[in-house]
């Protein structure tokens, strides 16, 4: 790529990033239903057709934000995991899982404009593309890695169902996030009616699978 092409590519990516930041602001202010290419273009000071150079349709904006949200959330949770000691046979696995799942909940509550796209389907007739769904699969893989490691170390009871535990934890986490965003938007984790009881429910669920 020559110098001119490189500069054009950088400008193109910078404009896309600006558009996505504005889209996030729109959703924070008025919800995902308020998102439109026209409003993004207006706030960027351009005509709507000019935005088609960067996004062919609103679904592409949603796909980009969906993938961005899962990448950021996954990075946040993995960073929290990196602060903990390596999983060992004497580990308090219920406490470890609670820390990681809480990190995801807190991230979603702080970035609820992205969590709406990640966990709900607020845009009529939009579903995330297979490509944009890959970061979500990577995030779920961390949960499987943790539970499978616990099974190998003998922390789980004989016959414990790894998939069952991961899916039940996902249901708990999603339920807490959905209830809090729907009923108490902007309320921090420690003060939410659902979130402040999350730890007890998470620990009880994990202990059902422990030796």
N, C-alpha and C. Protein backbone atom coordinates (compact mmCIF):
# COMPACT_ATOMS: atom_id res chain seq x y z
N UNK A 1 0.84 -1.19 0.00
CA UNK A 1 0.00 0.00 0.00
C UNK A 1 0.88 1.24 0.00
N UNK A 2 0.65 2.16 -0.97
CA UNK A 2 1.46 3.37 -1.03
C UNK A 2 1.00 4.37 0.04
N UNK A 3 1.74 5.48 0.15
CA UNK A 3 1.45 6.46 1.20
C UNK A 3 0.05 7.03 1.12
N UNK A 4 -0.39 7.37 -0.10
CA UNK A 4 -1.72 7.96 -0.28
C UNK A 4 -2.81 6.97 0.11
N UNK A 5 -2.63 5.71 -0.30
CA UNK A 5 -3.63 4.69 0.03
C UNK A 5 -3.68 4.45 1.54
N UNK A 6 -2.51 4.48 2.16
CA UNK A 6 -2.46 4.29 3.61
C UNK A 6 -3.19 5.42 4.33
N UNK A 7 -3.01 6.65 3.87
CA UNK A 7 -3.69 7.79 4.50
C UNK A 7 -5.20 7.68 4.30
N UNK A 8 -5.63 7.27 3.11
CA UNK A 8 -7.07 7.12 2.86
C UNK A 8 -7.66 6.04 3.76
N UNK A 9 -6.94 4.95 3.92
CA UNK A 9 -7.41 3.87 4.78
C UNK A 9 -7.53 4.33 6.23
N UNK A 10 -6.56 5.11 6.68
CA UNK A 10 -6.60 5.62 8.05
C UNK A 10 -7.77 6.58 8.23
N UNK A 11 -8.02 7.44 7.23
CA UNK A 11 -9.16 8.37 7.33
C UNK A 11 -10.47 7.61 7.34
N UNK A 12 -10.53 6.56 6.49
CA UNK A 12 -11.75 5.75 6.42
C UNK A 12 -12.03 5.10 7.77
N UNK A 13 -11.02 4.53 8.37
CA UNK A 13 -11.19 3.85 9.66
C UNK A 13 -11.52 4.85 10.76
N UNK A 14 -10.91 6.04 10.70
CA UNK A 14 -11.19 7.06 11.70
C UNK A 14 -12.65 7.51 11.61
N UNK A 15 -13.16 7.65 10.39
CA UNK A 15 -14.55 8.06 10.21
C UNK A 15 -15.50 6.97 10.69
N UNK A 16 -15.18 5.72 10.40
CA UNK A 16 -16.00 4.62 10.90
C UNK A 16 -16.03 4.62 12.43
N UNK A 17 -14.88 4.82 13.05
CA UNK A 17 -14.80 4.84 14.51
C UNK A 17 -15.62 5.99 15.08
N UNK A 18 -15.55 7.15 14.42
CA UNK A 18 -16.34 8.29 14.87
C UNK A 18 -17.83 7.98 14.77
N UNK A 19 -18.23 7.36 13.68
CA UNK A 19 -19.65 7.01 13.49
C UNK A 19 -20.12 6.04 14.56
N UNK A 20 -19.29 5.07 14.92
CA UNK A 20 -19.67 4.11 15.95
C UNK A 20 -19.76 4.77 17.32
N UNK A 21 -18.85 5.70 17.60
CA UNK A 21 -18.90 6.41 18.87
C UNK A 21 -20.19 7.23 18.96
N UNK A 22 -20.59 7.84 17.86
CA UNK A 22 -21.83 8.62 17.85
C UNK A 22 -23.04 7.69 17.99
N UNK A 23 -22.99 6.54 17.34
CA UNK A 23 -24.07 5.56 17.48
C UNK A 23 -24.24 5.14 18.93
N UNK A 24 -23.13 4.91 19.62
CA UNK A 24 -23.19 4.56 21.03
C UNK A 24 -23.82 5.68 21.84
N UNK A 25 -23.47 6.92 21.53
CA UNK A 25 -24.03 8.06 22.25
C UNK A 25 -25.54 8.14 22.05
N UNK A 26 -25.99 7.90 20.82
CA UNK A 26 -27.42 7.92 20.53
C UNK A 26 -28.15 6.87 21.36
N UNK A 27 -27.58 5.67 21.41
CA UNK A 27 -28.24 4.59 22.15
C UNK A 27 -28.21 4.85 23.65
N UNK A 28 -27.14 5.45 24.15
CA UNK A 28 -27.11 5.80 25.58
C UNK A 28 -28.20 6.81 25.91
N UNK A 29 -28.41 7.74 25.00
CA UNK A 29 -29.37 8.82 25.25
C UNK A 29 -30.81 8.36 25.09
N UNK A 30 -31.08 7.55 24.07
CA UNK A 30 -32.48 7.27 23.71
C UNK A 30 -32.78 5.81 23.43
N UNK A 31 -31.83 4.93 23.66
CA UNK A 31 -32.06 3.51 23.42
C UNK A 31 -31.74 3.11 22.00
N UNK A 32 -31.62 1.79 21.81
CA UNK A 32 -31.24 1.26 20.50
C UNK A 32 -32.26 1.59 19.42
N UNK A 33 -33.53 1.74 19.82
CA UNK A 33 -34.57 2.03 18.83
C UNK A 33 -34.39 3.38 18.16
N UNK A 34 -33.63 4.28 18.78
CA UNK A 34 -33.42 5.61 18.21
C UNK A 34 -32.29 5.64 17.19
N UNK A 35 -31.58 4.54 17.04
CA UNK A 35 -30.42 4.51 16.15
C UNK A 35 -30.85 4.54 14.69
N UNK A 36 -30.26 5.43 13.92
CA UNK A 36 -30.51 5.49 12.48
C UNK A 36 -29.29 6.08 11.80
N UNK A 37 -29.09 5.69 10.53
CA UNK A 37 -27.97 6.27 9.78
C UNK A 37 -28.17 7.76 9.61
N UNK A 38 -29.42 8.19 9.46
CA UNK A 38 -29.68 9.61 9.29
C UNK A 38 -29.24 10.43 10.49
N UNK A 39 -29.51 9.93 11.70
CA UNK A 39 -29.13 10.67 12.90
C UNK A 39 -27.62 10.64 13.10
N UNK A 40 -27.00 9.51 12.78
CA UNK A 40 -25.53 9.45 12.86
C UNK A 40 -24.92 10.48 11.91
N UNK A 41 -25.41 10.49 10.66
CA UNK A 41 -24.88 11.43 9.66
C UNK A 41 -25.10 12.87 10.09
N UNK A 42 -26.28 13.17 10.62
CA UNK A 42 -26.58 14.54 11.05
C UNK A 42 -25.59 15.01 12.10
N UNK A 43 -25.31 14.15 13.08
CA UNK A 43 -24.39 14.53 14.14
C UNK A 43 -22.95 14.62 13.66
N UNK A 44 -22.66 13.95 12.55
CA UNK A 44 -21.31 14.03 11.98
C UNK A 44 -21.18 15.19 11.00
N UNK A 45 -22.29 15.86 10.72
CA UNK A 45 -22.26 16.98 9.80
C UNK A 45 -22.13 16.57 8.35
N UNK A 46 -22.70 15.40 8.00
CA UNK A 46 -22.66 14.95 6.61
C UNK A 46 -24.06 14.51 6.17
N UNK A 47 -24.25 14.36 4.88
CA UNK A 47 -25.51 13.86 4.36
C UNK A 47 -25.54 12.34 4.53
N UNK A 48 -26.73 11.80 4.69
CA UNK A 48 -26.86 10.36 4.93
C UNK A 48 -26.22 9.52 3.82
N UNK A 49 -26.42 9.85 2.54
CA UNK A 49 -25.79 9.01 1.50
C UNK A 49 -24.26 8.92 1.64
N UNK A 50 -23.65 9.96 2.19
CA UNK A 50 -22.19 9.94 2.36
C UNK A 50 -21.78 8.87 3.36
N UNK A 51 -22.67 8.55 4.31
CA UNK A 51 -22.34 7.56 5.32
C UNK A 51 -22.33 6.15 4.74
N UNK A 52 -23.00 5.97 3.59
CA UNK A 52 -23.02 4.64 2.97
C UNK A 52 -21.63 4.20 2.51
N UNK A 53 -20.71 5.13 2.41
CA UNK A 53 -19.33 4.77 2.08
C UNK A 53 -18.71 3.93 3.19
N UNK A 54 -19.23 4.11 4.39
CA UNK A 54 -18.65 3.46 5.57
C UNK A 54 -19.52 2.32 6.10
N UNK A 55 -20.84 2.46 5.95
CA UNK A 55 -21.78 1.43 6.37
C UNK A 55 -22.91 1.36 5.35
N UNK A 56 -23.09 0.19 4.76
CA UNK A 56 -24.09 0.05 3.71
C UNK A 56 -25.51 0.10 4.25
N UNK A 57 -25.69 -0.22 5.53
CA UNK A 57 -27.01 -0.25 6.14
C UNK A 57 -26.86 -0.16 7.66
N UNK A 58 -27.97 0.13 8.33
CA UNK A 58 -27.93 0.20 9.79
C UNK A 58 -27.51 -1.14 10.39
N UNK A 59 -27.84 -2.22 9.73
CA UNK A 59 -27.47 -3.54 10.25
C UNK A 59 -25.95 -3.68 10.37
N UNK A 60 -25.20 -3.03 9.48
CA UNK A 60 -23.74 -3.09 9.57
C UNK A 60 -23.24 -2.32 10.79
N UNK A 61 -23.90 -1.22 11.12
CA UNK A 61 -23.55 -0.49 12.34
C UNK A 61 -23.82 -1.37 13.56
N UNK A 62 -24.98 -2.01 13.57
CA UNK A 62 -25.33 -2.89 14.69
C UNK A 62 -24.35 -4.05 14.81
N UNK A 63 -23.97 -4.63 13.68
CA UNK A 63 -23.00 -5.72 13.70
C UNK A 63 -21.67 -5.26 14.29
N UNK A 64 -21.22 -4.09 13.86
CA UNK A 64 -19.94 -3.57 14.35
C UNK A 64 -19.99 -3.31 15.85
N UNK A 65 -21.10 -2.74 16.33
CA UNK A 65 -21.24 -2.47 17.76
C UNK A 65 -21.38 -3.75 18.57
N UNK A 66 -22.10 -4.72 18.03
CA UNK A 66 -22.27 -6.02 18.69
C UNK A 66 -20.90 -6.67 18.90
N UNK A 67 -20.10 -6.72 17.84
CA UNK A 67 -18.77 -7.32 17.93
C UNK A 67 -17.87 -6.53 18.87
N UNK A 68 -17.95 -5.20 18.77
CA UNK A 68 -17.14 -4.34 19.64
C UNK A 68 -17.46 -4.59 21.10
N UNK A 69 -18.76 -4.68 21.41
CA UNK A 69 -19.17 -4.90 22.79
C UNK A 69 -18.64 -6.20 23.34
N UNK A 70 -18.76 -7.27 22.57
CA UNK A 70 -18.28 -8.57 23.06
C UNK A 70 -16.77 -8.59 23.19
N UNK A 71 -16.06 -7.92 22.27
CA UNK A 71 -14.59 -7.86 22.41
C UNK A 71 -14.20 -7.12 23.68
N UNK A 72 -14.83 -5.97 23.92
CA UNK A 72 -14.48 -5.19 25.10
C UNK A 72 -14.84 -5.92 26.38
N UNK A 73 -16.01 -6.55 26.41
CA UNK A 73 -16.43 -7.28 27.61
C UNK A 73 -15.50 -8.46 27.87
N UNK A 74 -15.14 -9.18 26.82
CA UNK A 74 -14.25 -10.33 26.97
C UNK A 74 -12.88 -9.89 27.48
N UNK A 75 -12.37 -8.80 26.94
CA UNK A 75 -11.08 -8.28 27.41
C UNK A 75 -11.15 -7.90 28.88
N UNK A 76 -12.27 -7.31 29.29
CA UNK A 76 -12.43 -6.89 30.68
C UNK A 76 -12.43 -8.10 31.61
N UNK A 77 -13.18 -9.13 31.25
CA UNK A 77 -13.27 -10.32 32.10
C UNK A 77 -11.94 -11.07 32.12
N UNK A 78 -11.29 -11.20 30.96
CA UNK A 78 -10.01 -11.89 30.92
C UNK A 78 -8.95 -11.14 31.72
N UNK A 79 -9.01 -9.82 31.71
CA UNK A 79 -8.07 -9.03 32.53
C UNK A 79 -8.30 -9.31 34.01
N UNK A 80 -9.57 -9.45 34.40
CA UNK A 80 -9.88 -9.78 35.79
C UNK A 80 -9.36 -11.18 36.13
N UNK A 81 -9.53 -12.11 35.19
CA UNK A 81 -9.04 -13.47 35.41
C UNK A 81 -7.53 -13.49 35.58
N UNK A 82 -6.83 -12.64 34.83
CA UNK A 82 -5.37 -12.61 34.89
C UNK A 82 -4.86 -12.11 36.24
N UNK A 83 -5.70 -11.41 36.99
CA UNK A 83 -5.30 -10.91 38.30
C UNK A 83 -5.40 -11.98 39.38
N UNK A 84 -6.10 -13.06 39.06
CA UNK A 84 -6.27 -14.13 40.05
C UNK A 84 -5.20 -15.20 39.88
N UNK A 85 -4.99 -15.96 40.94
CA UNK A 85 -4.03 -17.06 40.87
C UNK A 85 -4.54 -18.12 39.90
N UNK A 86 -3.62 -18.91 39.39
CA UNK A 86 -4.00 -20.01 38.50
C UNK A 86 -4.89 -20.98 39.25
N UNK A 87 -5.89 -21.50 38.56
CA UNK A 87 -6.82 -22.44 39.18
C UNK A 87 -6.06 -23.66 39.70
N UNK A 88 -6.35 -24.04 40.94
CA UNK A 88 -5.63 -25.15 41.58
C UNK A 88 -6.63 -26.08 42.26
N UNK A 89 -6.19 -27.31 42.61
CA UNK A 89 -7.11 -28.28 43.22
C UNK A 89 -7.75 -27.81 44.52
N UNK A 90 -7.12 -26.86 45.22
CA UNK A 90 -7.68 -26.38 46.48
C UNK A 90 -8.40 -25.04 46.32
N UNK A 91 -8.68 -24.65 45.09
CA UNK A 91 -9.28 -23.35 44.83
C UNK A 91 -10.74 -23.31 45.29
N UNK A 92 -11.18 -22.11 45.69
CA UNK A 92 -12.60 -21.88 45.97
C UNK A 92 -13.23 -21.52 44.62
N UNK A 93 -13.68 -22.55 43.93
CA UNK A 93 -14.14 -22.34 42.55
C UNK A 93 -15.41 -21.50 42.51
N UNK A 94 -16.28 -21.64 43.47
CA UNK A 94 -17.51 -20.83 43.48
C UNK A 94 -17.17 -19.34 43.59
N UNK A 95 -16.19 -19.02 44.44
CA UNK A 95 -15.79 -17.62 44.59
C UNK A 95 -15.15 -17.11 43.31
N UNK A 96 -14.34 -17.95 42.69
CA UNK A 96 -13.66 -17.54 41.45
C UNK A 96 -14.68 -17.24 40.35
N UNK A 97 -15.64 -18.13 40.19
CA UNK A 97 -16.67 -17.92 39.17
C UNK A 97 -17.46 -16.64 39.45
N UNK A 98 -17.76 -16.41 40.71
CA UNK A 98 -18.51 -15.21 41.07
C UNK A 98 -17.77 -13.94 40.67
N UNK A 99 -16.47 -13.93 40.90
CA UNK A 99 -15.66 -12.76 40.53
C UNK A 99 -15.73 -12.51 39.03
N UNK A 100 -15.58 -13.56 38.24
CA UNK A 100 -15.56 -13.39 36.78
C UNK A 100 -16.93 -13.01 36.24
N UNK A 101 -17.98 -13.67 36.74
CA UNK A 101 -19.31 -13.34 36.25
C UNK A 101 -19.72 -11.94 36.69
N UNK A 102 -19.32 -11.55 37.89
CA UNK A 102 -19.62 -10.19 38.33
C UNK A 102 -18.92 -9.16 37.44
N UNK A 103 -17.70 -9.46 37.03
CA UNK A 103 -16.98 -8.54 36.15
C UNK A 103 -17.76 -8.30 34.86
N UNK A 104 -18.34 -9.36 34.32
CA UNK A 104 -19.13 -9.22 33.09
C UNK A 104 -20.39 -8.40 33.35
N UNK A 105 -21.08 -8.68 34.44
CA UNK A 105 -22.30 -7.92 34.77
C UNK A 105 -21.97 -6.44 34.93
N UNK A 106 -20.93 -6.14 35.68
CA UNK A 106 -20.58 -4.74 35.92
C UNK A 106 -20.24 -4.04 34.60
N UNK A 107 -19.52 -4.74 33.71
CA UNK A 107 -19.20 -4.14 32.42
C UNK A 107 -20.48 -3.82 31.66
N UNK A 108 -21.41 -4.75 31.63
CA UNK A 108 -22.65 -4.54 30.88
C UNK A 108 -23.48 -3.41 31.47
N UNK A 109 -23.53 -3.31 32.78
CA UNK A 109 -24.29 -2.23 33.40
C UNK A 109 -23.66 -0.87 33.10
N UNK A 110 -22.35 -0.85 33.01
CA UNK A 110 -21.65 0.40 32.71
C UNK A 110 -21.76 0.77 31.24
N UNK A 111 -21.91 -0.22 30.37
CA UNK A 111 -21.98 0.02 28.93
C UNK A 111 -23.31 -0.54 28.40
N UNK A 112 -24.40 -0.09 28.99
CA UNK A 112 -25.69 -0.71 28.70
C UNK A 112 -26.14 -0.49 27.26
N UNK A 113 -25.60 0.55 26.60
CA UNK A 113 -25.99 0.76 25.20
C UNK A 113 -25.49 -0.39 24.32
N UNK A 114 -24.34 -0.95 24.66
CA UNK A 114 -23.84 -2.11 23.92
C UNK A 114 -24.47 -3.40 24.43
N UNK A 115 -24.70 -3.47 25.74
CA UNK A 115 -25.31 -4.67 26.31
C UNK A 115 -26.69 -4.93 25.70
N UNK A 116 -27.42 -3.87 25.37
CA UNK A 116 -28.72 -4.05 24.73
C UNK A 116 -28.60 -4.84 23.44
N UNK A 117 -27.60 -4.49 22.64
CA UNK A 117 -27.39 -5.21 21.37
C UNK A 117 -26.85 -6.60 21.62
N UNK A 118 -25.99 -6.75 22.61
CA UNK A 118 -25.34 -8.02 22.87
C UNK A 118 -26.30 -9.07 23.41
N UNK A 119 -27.23 -8.66 24.26
CA UNK A 119 -28.06 -9.61 25.00
C UNK A 119 -29.53 -9.60 24.60
N UNK A 120 -30.01 -8.51 24.01
CA UNK A 120 -31.39 -8.43 23.57
C UNK A 120 -31.40 -8.43 22.04
N UNK A 121 -32.55 -8.25 21.44
CA UNK A 121 -32.67 -8.02 19.99
C UNK A 121 -33.57 -6.80 19.79
N UNK A 122 -33.02 -5.60 20.12
CA UNK A 122 -33.85 -4.39 20.15
C UNK A 122 -34.12 -3.76 18.78
N UNK A 123 -33.41 -4.21 17.75
CA UNK A 123 -33.58 -3.64 16.41
C UNK A 123 -34.44 -4.60 15.59
N UNK A 124 -35.62 -4.19 15.16
CA UNK A 124 -36.49 -5.10 14.39
C UNK A 124 -35.77 -5.66 13.16
N UNK A 125 -35.91 -6.95 12.95
CA UNK A 125 -35.39 -7.66 11.78
C UNK A 125 -33.87 -7.68 11.69
N UNK A 126 -33.21 -7.36 12.79
CA UNK A 126 -31.74 -7.45 12.80
C UNK A 126 -31.31 -8.64 13.64
N UNK A 127 -30.40 -9.42 13.12
CA UNK A 127 -29.71 -10.48 13.85
C UNK A 127 -28.22 -10.31 13.57
N UNK A 128 -27.36 -10.52 14.56
CA UNK A 128 -25.92 -10.36 14.32
C UNK A 128 -25.44 -11.35 13.26
N UNK A 129 -24.56 -10.89 12.42
CA UNK A 129 -23.99 -11.75 11.38
C UNK A 129 -23.08 -12.79 12.03
N UNK A 130 -22.79 -13.84 11.27
CA UNK A 130 -21.90 -14.89 11.77
C UNK A 130 -20.53 -14.31 12.13
N UNK A 131 -20.05 -13.40 11.31
CA UNK A 131 -18.74 -12.79 11.57
C UNK A 131 -18.75 -11.97 12.86
N UNK A 132 -19.81 -11.18 13.06
CA UNK A 132 -19.86 -10.34 14.26
C UNK A 132 -20.09 -11.16 15.52
N UNK A 133 -20.59 -12.40 15.36
CA UNK A 133 -20.87 -13.25 16.51
C UNK A 133 -19.62 -13.94 17.05
N UNK A 134 -18.54 -13.92 16.28
CA UNK A 134 -17.33 -14.62 16.72
C UNK A 134 -16.79 -14.12 18.06
N UNK A 135 -16.75 -12.80 18.32
CA UNK A 135 -16.27 -12.36 19.64
C UNK A 135 -17.15 -12.87 20.78
N UNK A 136 -18.45 -13.06 20.52
CA UNK A 136 -19.33 -13.62 21.55
C UNK A 136 -18.96 -15.07 21.84
N UNK A 137 -18.64 -15.81 20.79
CA UNK A 137 -18.23 -17.21 20.97
C UNK A 137 -16.92 -17.28 21.77
N UNK A 138 -16.02 -16.34 21.50
CA UNK A 138 -14.75 -16.32 22.23
C UNK A 138 -14.99 -16.03 23.71
N UNK A 139 -15.92 -15.12 23.99
CA UNK A 139 -16.22 -14.80 25.39
C UNK A 139 -16.82 -16.00 26.10
N UNK A 140 -17.72 -16.70 25.44
CA UNK A 140 -18.32 -17.90 26.05
C UNK A 140 -17.28 -18.99 26.25
N UNK A 141 -16.29 -19.03 25.36
CA UNK A 141 -15.24 -20.04 25.48
C UNK A 141 -14.49 -19.91 26.80
N UNK A 142 -14.35 -18.69 27.32
CA UNK A 142 -13.67 -18.52 28.60
C UNK A 142 -14.42 -19.23 29.72
N UNK A 143 -15.74 -19.14 29.69
CA UNK A 143 -16.53 -19.82 30.72
C UNK A 143 -16.33 -21.33 30.63
N UNK A 144 -16.33 -21.85 29.42
CA UNK A 144 -16.10 -23.29 29.25
C UNK A 144 -14.69 -23.68 29.70
N UNK A 145 -13.70 -22.83 29.39
CA UNK A 145 -12.32 -23.12 29.80
C UNK A 145 -12.23 -23.23 31.32
N UNK A 146 -12.87 -22.30 32.02
CA UNK A 146 -12.82 -22.30 33.48
C UNK A 146 -13.48 -23.56 34.05
N UNK A 147 -14.68 -23.88 33.57
CA UNK A 147 -15.41 -25.02 34.12
C UNK A 147 -14.72 -26.33 33.76
N UNK A 148 -14.24 -26.44 32.52
CA UNK A 148 -13.54 -27.66 32.12
C UNK A 148 -12.24 -27.84 32.91
N UNK A 149 -11.56 -26.75 33.21
CA UNK A 149 -10.34 -26.84 34.03
C UNK A 149 -10.68 -27.32 35.43
N UNK A 150 -11.78 -26.83 35.97
CA UNK A 150 -12.20 -27.27 37.31
C UNK A 150 -12.51 -28.75 37.31
N UNK A 151 -13.14 -29.22 36.22
CA UNK A 151 -13.45 -30.66 36.13
C UNK A 151 -12.17 -31.48 36.08
N UNK A 152 -11.18 -31.04 35.30
CA UNK A 152 -9.92 -31.79 35.21
C UNK A 152 -9.19 -31.84 36.53
N UNK A 153 -9.32 -30.78 37.33
CA UNK A 153 -8.64 -30.72 38.62
C UNK A 153 -9.40 -31.46 39.72
N UNK A 154 -10.54 -32.02 39.38
CA UNK A 154 -11.31 -32.77 40.36
C UNK A 154 -12.14 -31.92 41.29
N UNK A 155 -12.38 -30.66 40.92
CA UNK A 155 -13.18 -29.78 41.76
C UNK A 155 -14.67 -30.06 41.63
N UNK A 156 -15.08 -30.60 40.48
CA UNK A 156 -16.49 -30.87 40.25
C UNK A 156 -16.81 -32.31 40.64
N UNK A 157 -18.05 -32.54 41.03
CA UNK A 157 -18.48 -33.89 41.41
C UNK A 157 -18.47 -34.80 40.19
N UNK A 158 -18.38 -36.08 40.41
CA UNK A 158 -18.41 -37.05 39.32
C UNK A 158 -19.73 -36.91 38.55
N UNK A 159 -19.61 -36.88 37.24
CA UNK A 159 -20.80 -36.78 36.40
C UNK A 159 -21.33 -35.37 36.25
N UNK A 160 -20.64 -34.38 36.80
CA UNK A 160 -21.10 -33.00 36.66
C UNK A 160 -21.15 -32.62 35.19
N UNK A 161 -22.21 -31.94 34.81
CA UNK A 161 -22.43 -31.56 33.41
C UNK A 161 -21.87 -30.16 33.18
N UNK A 162 -20.76 -30.08 32.44
CA UNK A 162 -20.10 -28.81 32.19
C UNK A 162 -21.03 -27.85 31.46
N UNK A 163 -21.67 -28.34 30.42
CA UNK A 163 -22.56 -27.46 29.64
C UNK A 163 -23.70 -26.94 30.49
N UNK A 164 -24.26 -27.81 31.32
CA UNK A 164 -25.36 -27.38 32.19
C UNK A 164 -24.93 -26.24 33.09
N UNK A 165 -23.75 -26.37 33.70
CA UNK A 165 -23.28 -25.32 34.61
C UNK A 165 -23.04 -24.02 33.86
N UNK A 166 -22.38 -24.09 32.71
CA UNK A 166 -22.11 -22.87 31.94
C UNK A 166 -23.42 -22.21 31.51
N UNK A 167 -24.36 -22.99 31.01
CA UNK A 167 -25.63 -22.42 30.56
C UNK A 167 -26.43 -21.83 31.73
N UNK A 168 -26.43 -22.51 32.87
CA UNK A 168 -27.14 -21.96 34.03
C UNK A 168 -26.52 -20.65 34.51
N UNK A 169 -25.20 -20.60 34.50
CA UNK A 169 -24.53 -19.35 34.88
C UNK A 169 -24.86 -18.24 33.89
N UNK A 170 -24.88 -18.58 32.61
CA UNK A 170 -25.23 -17.58 31.58
C UNK A 170 -26.65 -17.05 31.80
N UNK A 171 -27.55 -17.94 32.15
CA UNK A 171 -28.93 -17.53 32.39
C UNK A 171 -29.03 -16.61 33.60
N UNK A 172 -28.31 -16.94 34.67
CA UNK A 172 -28.30 -16.09 35.86
C UNK A 172 -27.77 -14.70 35.51
N UNK A 173 -26.62 -14.67 34.85
CA UNK A 173 -25.97 -13.40 34.53
C UNK A 173 -26.85 -12.55 33.61
N UNK A 174 -27.38 -13.17 32.57
CA UNK A 174 -28.23 -12.43 31.64
C UNK A 174 -29.48 -11.93 32.33
N UNK A 175 -30.05 -12.75 33.21
CA UNK A 175 -31.25 -12.32 33.93
C UNK A 175 -30.99 -11.12 34.81
N UNK A 176 -29.87 -11.12 35.51
CA UNK A 176 -29.53 -9.98 36.37
C UNK A 176 -29.37 -8.72 35.53
N UNK A 177 -28.64 -8.84 34.43
CA UNK A 177 -28.40 -7.67 33.58
C UNK A 177 -29.70 -7.15 33.01
N UNK A 178 -30.53 -8.04 32.48
CA UNK A 178 -31.79 -7.63 31.87
C UNK A 178 -32.71 -6.95 32.88
N UNK A 179 -32.82 -7.52 34.07
CA UNK A 179 -33.68 -6.92 35.09
C UNK A 179 -33.19 -5.54 35.49
N UNK A 180 -31.87 -5.42 35.63
CA UNK A 180 -31.36 -4.13 36.10
C UNK A 180 -31.46 -3.06 35.02
N UNK A 181 -31.14 -3.41 33.78
CA UNK A 181 -31.23 -2.43 32.70
C UNK A 181 -32.68 -2.03 32.48
N UNK A 182 -33.60 -2.99 32.57
CA UNK A 182 -35.01 -2.70 32.33
C UNK A 182 -35.66 -1.91 33.46
N UNK A 183 -35.31 -2.26 34.70
CA UNK A 183 -36.03 -1.69 35.84
C UNK A 183 -35.26 -0.62 36.60
N UNK A 184 -33.93 -0.68 36.54
CA UNK A 184 -33.13 0.29 37.29
C UNK A 184 -31.95 0.77 36.45
N UNK A 185 -32.20 1.31 35.27
CA UNK A 185 -31.08 1.75 34.42
C UNK A 185 -30.23 2.79 35.13
N UNK A 186 -28.91 2.58 35.05
CA UNK A 186 -28.00 3.52 35.68
C UNK A 186 -27.68 3.20 37.12
N UNK A 187 -28.36 2.20 37.70
CA UNK A 187 -28.09 1.83 39.10
C UNK A 187 -26.84 0.98 39.16
N UNK A 188 -25.89 1.29 40.03
CA UNK A 188 -24.66 0.49 40.11
C UNK A 188 -24.93 -0.91 40.65
N UNK A 189 -23.99 -1.79 40.41
CA UNK A 189 -24.13 -3.19 40.78
C UNK A 189 -24.53 -3.37 42.25
N UNK A 190 -23.83 -2.69 43.14
CA UNK A 190 -24.03 -2.90 44.57
C UNK A 190 -25.41 -2.47 45.05
N UNK A 191 -26.09 -1.62 44.28
CA UNK A 191 -27.37 -1.08 44.72
C UNK A 191 -28.58 -1.71 44.03
N UNK A 192 -28.36 -2.51 43.01
CA UNK A 192 -29.47 -3.06 42.25
C UNK A 192 -30.24 -4.13 43.00
N UNK A 193 -31.56 -4.19 42.80
CA UNK A 193 -32.37 -5.20 43.49
C UNK A 193 -31.96 -6.61 43.08
N UNK A 194 -31.67 -6.80 41.79
CA UNK A 194 -31.27 -8.12 41.31
C UNK A 194 -29.77 -8.36 41.53
N UNK A 195 -28.96 -7.37 41.20
CA UNK A 195 -27.51 -7.59 41.22
C UNK A 195 -26.95 -7.77 42.62
N UNK A 196 -27.52 -7.14 43.60
CA UNK A 196 -26.94 -7.28 44.94
C UNK A 196 -27.17 -8.67 45.54
N UNK A 197 -28.06 -9.45 44.94
CA UNK A 197 -28.28 -10.83 45.38
C UNK A 197 -27.64 -11.84 44.43
N UNK A 198 -26.92 -11.34 43.45
CA UNK A 198 -26.33 -12.21 42.44
C UNK A 198 -25.36 -13.22 43.05
N UNK A 199 -24.51 -12.77 43.97
CA UNK A 199 -23.46 -13.65 44.50
C UNK A 199 -24.05 -14.90 45.14
N UNK A 200 -25.10 -14.74 45.95
CA UNK A 200 -25.70 -15.90 46.62
C UNK A 200 -26.23 -16.90 45.60
N UNK A 201 -26.88 -16.41 44.55
CA UNK A 201 -27.43 -17.30 43.54
C UNK A 201 -26.32 -17.99 42.75
N UNK A 202 -25.27 -17.24 42.40
CA UNK A 202 -24.16 -17.80 41.64
C UNK A 202 -23.44 -18.89 42.45
N UNK A 203 -23.15 -18.59 43.70
CA UNK A 203 -22.45 -19.56 44.56
C UNK A 203 -23.29 -20.82 44.73
N UNK A 204 -24.58 -20.66 44.96
CA UNK A 204 -25.44 -21.83 45.14
C UNK A 204 -25.46 -22.69 43.88
N UNK A 205 -25.49 -22.07 42.74
CA UNK A 205 -25.52 -22.82 41.48
C UNK A 205 -24.22 -23.60 41.27
N UNK A 206 -23.08 -22.95 41.52
CA UNK A 206 -21.79 -23.62 41.35
C UNK A 206 -21.65 -24.75 42.35
N UNK A 207 -22.04 -24.54 43.59
CA UNK A 207 -21.86 -25.56 44.62
C UNK A 207 -22.66 -26.83 44.32
N UNK A 208 -23.73 -26.70 43.56
CA UNK A 208 -24.50 -27.87 43.18
C UNK A 208 -23.67 -28.82 42.32
N UNK A 209 -22.59 -28.30 41.72
CA UNK A 209 -21.75 -29.10 40.83
C UNK A 209 -20.40 -29.46 41.45
N UNK A 210 -20.15 -29.00 42.67
CA UNK A 210 -18.87 -29.27 43.31
C UNK A 210 -18.89 -30.60 44.07
N UNK A 211 -17.70 -31.11 44.34
CA UNK A 211 -17.59 -32.31 45.18
C UNK A 211 -18.08 -32.01 46.60
